[in-house]
Amino acid sequence: MVIFDIRRYEHEIETLNRIAAERGMHTILFTDRWKSPVAKTATVVFRVETEVPSAWDSSVVTLFVVEALIEALQNSIWKTTRDRMRDLEGLLEKSQLFRKPRVLL
């Protein structure tokens, strides 16, 4: 399970992680430099920088790390996932879920 828990941590996420761990699930946690309480029981913890010079925290670094992990995972198991990706792309094309919008002239 992948959990994102950034400052102003949610108690319910800690409960969810505990229940998941009791059921043998592994947890990947993305948190900030101050560390979510979930870090105590998560299988893998990524601490990312979220603080920027503004009133709001930024998700840019978190998104970058997630994208890098997806790319690394995809490359490491591409031989086993290539057919699944081809099937998914065919399904999306048939359903026209992500079709280009019509251009009105």
C-alpha atoms as a PDB file:
ATOM      1  CA  MET A   1       0.000   0.000   0.000  1.00  0.00           C
ATOM      2  CA  VAL A   2       1.222   3.507  -0.762  1.00  0.00           C
ATOM      3  CA  ILE A   3       0.497   6.231   1.784  1.00  0.00           C
ATOM      4  CA  PHE A   4       1.056   9.967   1.466  1.00  0.00           C
ATOM      5  CA  ASP A   5       1.090  11.647   4.885  1.00  0.00           C
ATOM      6  CA  ILE A   6       2.414  15.186   5.064  1.00  0.00           C
ATOM      7  CA  ARG A   7       2.325  17.645   7.962  1.00  0.00           C
ATOM      8  CA  ARG A   8      -0.965  17.872   9.816  1.00  0.00           C
ATOM      9  CA  TYR A   9      -0.843  14.110   9.818  1.00  0.00           C
ATOM     10  CA  GLU A  10      -4.077  12.173   9.860  1.00  0.00           C
ATOM     11  CA  HIS A  11      -4.576   9.799  12.782  1.00  0.00           C
ATOM     12  CA  GLU A  12      -6.802   7.606  10.615  1.00  0.00           C
ATOM     13  CA  ILE A  13      -3.906   6.927   8.245  1.00  0.00           C
ATOM     14  CA  GLU A  14      -1.868   5.597  11.157  1.00  0.00           C
ATOM     15  CA  THR A  15      -4.772   3.305  12.053  1.00  0.00           C
ATOM     16  CA  LEU A  16      -5.098   2.175   8.421  1.00  0.00           C
ATOM     17  CA  ASN A  17      -1.382   1.355   8.268  1.00  0.00           C
ATOM     18  CA  ARG A  18      -1.520  -0.609  11.532  1.00  0.00           C
ATOM     19  CA  ILE A  19      -4.457  -2.706  10.272  1.00  0.00           C
ATOM     20  CA  ALA A  20      -2.707  -3.275   6.939  1.00  0.00           C
ATOM     21  CA  ALA A  21       0.488  -4.379   8.721  1.00  0.00           C
ATOM     22  CA  GLU A  22      -1.519  -6.800  10.889  1.00  0.00           C
ATOM     23  CA  ARG A  23      -2.788  -8.354   7.650  1.00  0.00           C
ATOM     24  CA  GLY A  24       0.728  -8.737   6.274  1.00  0.00           C
ATOM     25  CA  MET A  25       0.633  -5.819   3.843  1.00  0.00           C
ATOM     26  CA  HIS A  26       3.725  -3.780   3.085  1.00  0.00           C
ATOM     27  CA  THR A  27       3.527   0.001   3.197  1.00  0.00           C
ATOM     28  CA  ILE A  28       5.444   2.609   1.231  1.00  0.00           C
ATOM     29  CA  LEU A  29       5.174   5.972   2.959  1.00  0.00           C
ATOM     30  CA  PHE A  30       5.825   9.371   1.421  1.00  0.00           C
ATOM     31  CA  THR A  31       6.196  11.968   4.150  1.00  0.00           C
ATOM     32  CA  ASP A  32       7.979  15.223   4.913  1.00  0.00           C
ATOM     33  CA  ARG A  33      11.156  16.003   6.835  1.00  0.00           C
ATOM     34  CA  TRP A  34       9.280  15.934  10.158  1.00  0.00           C
ATOM     35  CA  LYS A  35       8.146  12.338   9.549  1.00  0.00           C
ATOM     36  CA  SER A  36       4.618  11.084   9.840  1.00  0.00           C
ATOM     37  CA  PRO A  37       3.939   8.799  12.819  1.00  0.00           C
ATOM     38  CA  VAL A  38       3.270   6.096  10.196  1.00  0.00           C
ATOM     39  CA  ALA A  39       7.050   5.999   9.597  1.00  0.00           C
ATOM     40  CA  LYS A  40       7.430   3.857  12.732  1.00  0.00           C
ATOM     41  CA  THR A  41       5.621   0.937  11.110  1.00  0.00           C
ATOM     42  CA  ALA A  42       5.935   1.550   7.354  1.00  0.00           C
ATOM     43  CA  THR A  43       7.998  -0.915   5.319  1.00  0.00           C
ATOM     44  CA  VAL A  44       9.691   1.816   3.259  1.00  0.00           C
ATOM     45  CA  VAL A  45       9.787   5.537   4.033  1.00  0.00           C
ATOM     46  CA  PHE A  46      10.574   8.351   1.611  1.00  0.00           C
ATOM     47  CA  ARG A  47      11.125  11.676   3.351  1.00  0.00           C
ATOM     48  CA  VAL A  48      10.731  14.461   0.816  1.00  0.00           C
ATOM     49  CA  GLU A  49      11.133  18.218   1.017  1.00  0.00           C
ATOM     50  CA  THR A  50       7.807  20.025   1.001  1.00  0.00           C
ATOM     51  CA  GLU A  51       8.654  23.378   2.545  1.00  0.00           C
ATOM     52  CA  VAL A  52       8.931  26.331   0.183  1.00  0.00           C
ATOM     53  CA  PRO A  53       9.010  30.102   0.778  1.00  0.00           C
ATOM     54  CA  SER A  54       5.247  30.522   0.570  1.00  0.00           C
ATOM     55  CA  ALA A  55       2.167  29.936   2.672  1.00  0.00           C
ATOM     56  CA  TRP A  56       1.621  26.484   1.113  1.00  0.00           C
ATOM     57  CA  ASP A  57       3.724  23.339   1.056  1.00  0.00           C
ATOM     58  CA  SER A  58       4.810  22.078  -2.349  1.00  0.00           C
ATOM     59  CA  SER A  59       4.157  18.643  -3.855  1.00  0.00           C
ATOM     60  CA  VAL A  60       6.782  19.026  -6.603  1.00  0.00           C
ATOM     61  CA  VAL A  61       9.509  16.936  -4.948  1.00  0.00           C
ATOM     62  CA  THR A  62       7.021  14.251  -3.926  1.00  0.00           C
ATOM     63  CA  LEU A  63       5.725  13.986  -7.484  1.00  0.00           C
ATOM     64  CA  PHE A  64       9.282  13.854  -8.845  1.00  0.00           C
ATOM     65  CA  VAL A  65      10.219  10.971  -6.519  1.00  0.00           C
ATOM     66  CA  VAL A  66       7.028   9.059  -7.372  1.00  0.00           C
ATOM     67  CA  GLU A  67       7.630   9.530 -11.122  1.00  0.00           C
ATOM     68  CA  ALA A  68      11.263   8.379 -10.756  1.00  0.00           C
ATOM     69  CA  LEU A  69      10.185   5.267  -8.846  1.00  0.00           C
ATOM     70  CA  ILE A  70       7.536   4.414 -11.438  1.00  0.00           C
ATOM     71  CA  GLU A  71      10.090   4.759 -14.230  1.00  0.00           C
ATOM     72  CA  ALA A  72      12.648   2.589 -12.399  1.00  0.00           C
ATOM     73  CA  LEU A  73      10.057  -0.076 -11.618  1.00  0.00           C
ATOM     74  CA  GLN A  74       8.719  -0.070 -15.160  1.00  0.00           C
ATOM     75  CA  ASN A  75      12.208  -0.494 -16.595  1.00  0.00           C
ATOM     76  CA  SER A  76      13.125  -3.273 -14.188  1.00  0.00           C
ATOM     77  CA  ILE A  77      10.072  -5.419 -15.010  1.00  0.00           C
ATOM     78  CA  TRP A  78       9.260  -4.252 -18.544  1.00  0.00           C
ATOM     79  CA  LYS A  79       9.501  -7.746 -20.036  1.00  0.00           C
ATOM     80  CA  THR A  80       6.687  -8.935 -17.770  1.00  0.00           C
ATOM     81  CA  THR A  81       4.510  -5.828 -18.060  1.00  0.00           C
ATOM     82  CA  ARG A  82       4.857  -5.024 -21.765  1.00  0.00           C
ATOM     83  CA  ASP A  83       1.874  -7.188 -22.785  1.00  0.00           C
ATOM     84  CA  ARG A  84      -0.292  -5.772 -19.983  1.00  0.00           C
ATOM     85  CA  MET A  85       0.517  -2.224 -21.097  1.00  0.00           C
ATOM     86  CA  ARG A  86      -0.277  -3.110 -24.708  1.00  0.00           C
ATOM     87  CA  ASP A  87      -3.630  -4.580 -23.614  1.00  0.00           C
ATOM     88  CA  LEU A  88      -4.417  -1.525 -21.498  1.00  0.00           C
ATOM     89  CA  GLU A  89      -3.573   0.856 -24.334  1.00  0.00           C
ATOM     90  CA  GLY A  90      -5.807  -1.166 -26.689  1.00  0.00           C
ATOM     91  CA  LEU A  91      -8.648  -1.067 -24.179  1.00  0.00           C
ATOM     92  CA  LEU A  92      -8.337   2.693 -23.740  1.00  0.00           C
ATOM     93  CA  GLU A  93      -8.268   3.181 -27.500  1.00  0.00           C
ATOM     94  CA  LYS A  94     -11.387   1.035 -27.995  1.00  0.00           C
ATOM     95  CA  SER A  95     -13.257   2.810 -25.214  1.00  0.00           C
ATOM     96  CA  GLN A  96     -12.121   6.196 -26.503  1.00  0.00           C
ATOM     97  CA  LEU A  97     -11.782   7.240 -22.878  1.00  0.00           C
ATOM     98  CA  PHE A  98      -8.927   9.597 -23.664  1.00  0.00           C
ATOM     99  CA  ARG A  99      -9.986  10.591 -27.158  1.00  0.00           C
ATOM    100  CA  LYS A 100      -9.052  13.935 -28.603  1.00  0.00           C
ATOM    101  CA  PRO A 101     -11.768  16.564 -28.352  1.00  0.00           C
ATOM    102  CA  ARG A 102     -13.598  17.499 -31.510  1.00  0.00           C
ATOM    103  CA  VAL A 103     -12.534  20.710 -33.163  1.00  0.00           C
ATOM    104  CA  LEU A 104     -15.496  22.815 -34.127  1.00  0.00           C
ATOM    105  CA  LEU A 105     -15.030  24.914 -37.213  1.00  0.00           C
END
